[in-house]
Amino acid sequence: MNATRVLGIAGLLMATGIVVGALAAHALQKVLEPRQLESLHTAVNYQLFNALGLLLIGLLMRADDLPALKTVAGLLMAGIVCFSGGIYVMLAGAPRFLGLVTPFGGVLLIAAWGWFAVTMLRR
């Protein structure tokens, strides 16, 4: 995956995170229980913060074509989709077992940032 694609996906993830956050703040407060809203806010925050990190990775990929940065970008994208997406689908009424992807997404996010740290410290 090239830097331009990573940057585009980061922008898409930022935009969708803002849309979901706006829905949570305005339209979903009357539909969801307080605990569900808290989970939704967590998913949105993780999506936005990690999408911002993905944006940083894309910019670094433009400056230095380290293969490890492609791995970090892939792990971040998968982690965001699994973690935040898992919460989104659960709140939308998906079967409970689909929520199992959420902790897996968290592991992917930790792995991505760990891989990034190791890569940068080895430079």
Protein backbone atom coordinates (compact mmCIF):
# COMPACT_ATOMS: atom_id res chain seq x y z
CA MET A 1 0.00 0.00 0.00
CA ASN A 2 1.39 3.39 -0.93
CA ALA A 3 1.46 6.60 1.09
CA THR A 4 -1.24 8.31 -0.96
CA ARG A 5 -3.69 5.47 -0.35
CA VAL A 6 -2.87 5.45 3.38
CA LEU A 7 -3.50 9.21 3.53
CA GLY A 8 -6.80 8.82 1.69
CA ILE A 9 -7.97 6.05 4.00
CA ALA A 10 -6.92 8.13 7.02
CA GLY A 11 -9.05 11.00 5.73
CA LEU A 12 -11.99 8.67 5.18
CA LEU A 13 -11.68 7.27 8.69
CA MET A 14 -11.49 10.79 10.13
CA ALA A 15 -14.59 11.87 8.20
CA THR A 16 -16.64 8.82 9.20
CA GLY A 17 -15.54 9.20 12.81
CA ILE A 18 -16.81 12.77 12.83
CA VAL A 19 -20.11 11.69 11.27
CA VAL A 20 -20.63 8.95 13.87
CA GLY A 21 -19.63 11.33 16.64
CA ALA A 22 -22.15 13.90 15.43
CA LEU A 23 -24.85 11.24 15.27
CA ALA A 24 -24.00 10.21 18.83
CA ALA A 25 -24.18 13.81 20.04
CA HIS A 26 -27.45 14.66 18.34
CA ALA A 27 -29.57 11.80 17.00
CA LEU A 28 -28.65 8.82 19.15
CA GLN A 29 -28.90 10.29 22.65
CA LYS A 30 -32.59 9.46 22.80
CA VAL A 31 -32.14 5.99 21.29
CA LEU A 32 -29.18 4.58 23.21
CA GLU A 33 -28.74 3.92 26.90
CA PRO A 34 -26.04 5.97 28.70
CA ARG A 35 -23.67 2.96 28.79
CA GLN A 36 -24.16 2.42 25.06
CA LEU A 37 -23.45 6.10 24.40
CA GLU A 38 -20.28 5.80 26.45
CA SER A 39 -19.20 2.82 24.34
CA LEU A 40 -19.99 4.76 21.18
CA HIS A 41 -17.90 7.70 22.36
CA THR A 42 -15.02 5.34 23.10
CA ALA A 43 -15.26 3.86 19.58
CA VAL A 44 -15.35 7.31 17.99
CA ASN A 45 -12.40 8.55 20.05
CA TYR A 46 -10.31 5.49 19.18
CA GLN A 47 -11.23 5.84 15.53
CA LEU A 48 -10.32 9.53 15.38
CA PHE A 49 -7.08 9.30 17.37
CA ASN A 50 -5.82 6.29 15.47
CA ALA A 51 -6.90 7.75 12.11
CA LEU A 52 -4.85 10.82 13.01
CA GLY A 53 -1.96 8.48 13.75
CA LEU A 54 -2.54 6.78 10.40
CA LEU A 55 -2.30 10.20 8.78
CA LEU A 56 1.08 10.65 10.47
CA ILE A 57 2.20 7.23 9.22
CA GLY A 58 1.15 8.15 5.67
CA LEU A 59 3.19 11.34 5.84
CA LEU A 60 6.18 9.42 7.16
CA MET A 61 5.78 6.92 4.32
CA ARG A 62 6.13 9.79 1.86
CA ALA A 63 9.36 10.89 3.51
CA ASP A 64 10.90 7.44 4.06
CA ASP A 65 9.78 4.29 2.26
CA LEU A 66 10.33 1.95 5.21
CA PRO A 67 8.56 -1.37 4.63
CA ALA A 68 7.73 -1.49 8.36
CA LEU A 69 5.55 1.61 7.98
CA LYS A 70 3.34 -0.28 5.53
CA THR A 71 2.89 -2.97 8.17
CA VAL A 72 2.06 -0.35 10.80
CA ALA A 73 -0.49 1.26 8.45
CA GLY A 74 -2.13 -2.10 7.74
CA LEU A 75 -2.32 -2.99 11.43
CA LEU A 76 -3.80 0.42 12.25
CA MET A 77 -6.46 0.17 9.57
CA ALA A 78 -7.43 -3.34 10.61
CA GLY A 79 -7.40 -2.33 14.27
CA ILE A 80 -9.65 0.67 13.73
CA VAL A 81 -12.13 -1.37 11.69
CA CYS A 82 -12.19 -4.23 14.22
CA PHE A 83 -12.23 -2.13 17.40
CA SER A 84 -14.48 0.76 16.48
CA GLY A 85 -16.41 -1.19 13.86
CA GLY A 86 -17.06 -3.98 16.34
CA ILE A 87 -18.60 -1.52 18.78
CA TYR A 88 -20.61 0.14 16.00
CA VAL A 89 -22.14 -3.12 14.78
CA MET A 90 -22.92 -4.26 18.33
CA LEU A 91 -24.74 -1.01 19.04
CA ALA A 92 -26.61 -1.40 15.76
CA GLY A 93 -27.99 -4.72 17.00
CA ALA A 94 -25.61 -7.27 15.49
CA PRO A 95 -25.39 -10.69 17.15
CA ARG A 96 -23.36 -10.61 20.35
CA PHE A 97 -20.61 -12.90 19.04
CA LEU A 98 -19.58 -10.23 16.52
CA GLY A 99 -18.45 -8.15 19.47
CA LEU A 100 -15.49 -10.52 19.78
CA VAL A 101 -13.72 -8.56 17.05
CA THR A 102 -13.51 -5.52 19.33
CA PRO A 103 -10.77 -6.82 21.67
CA PHE A 104 -8.94 -8.26 18.67
CA GLY A 105 -9.01 -4.74 17.19
CA GLY A 106 -7.50 -3.40 20.40
CA VAL A 107 -4.68 -5.94 20.13
CA LEU A 108 -4.08 -4.87 16.52
CA LEU A 109 -3.88 -1.21 17.57
CA ILE A 110 -1.39 -2.03 20.32
CA ALA A 111 0.63 -4.13 17.87
CA ALA A 112 0.64 -1.29 15.33
CA TRP A 113 1.98 1.28 17.76
CA GLY A 114 4.43 -1.22 19.25
CA TRP A 115 5.71 -2.05 15.77
CA PHE A 116 6.03 1.67 15.04
CA ALA A 117 7.97 2.26 18.28
CA VAL A 118 10.37 -0.62 17.63
CA THR A 119 10.87 0.51 14.02
CA MET A 120 11.67 4.07 15.02
CA LEU A 121 13.92 3.08 17.93
CA ARG A 122 15.96 0.82 15.66
CA ARG A 123 16.64 3.70 13.26
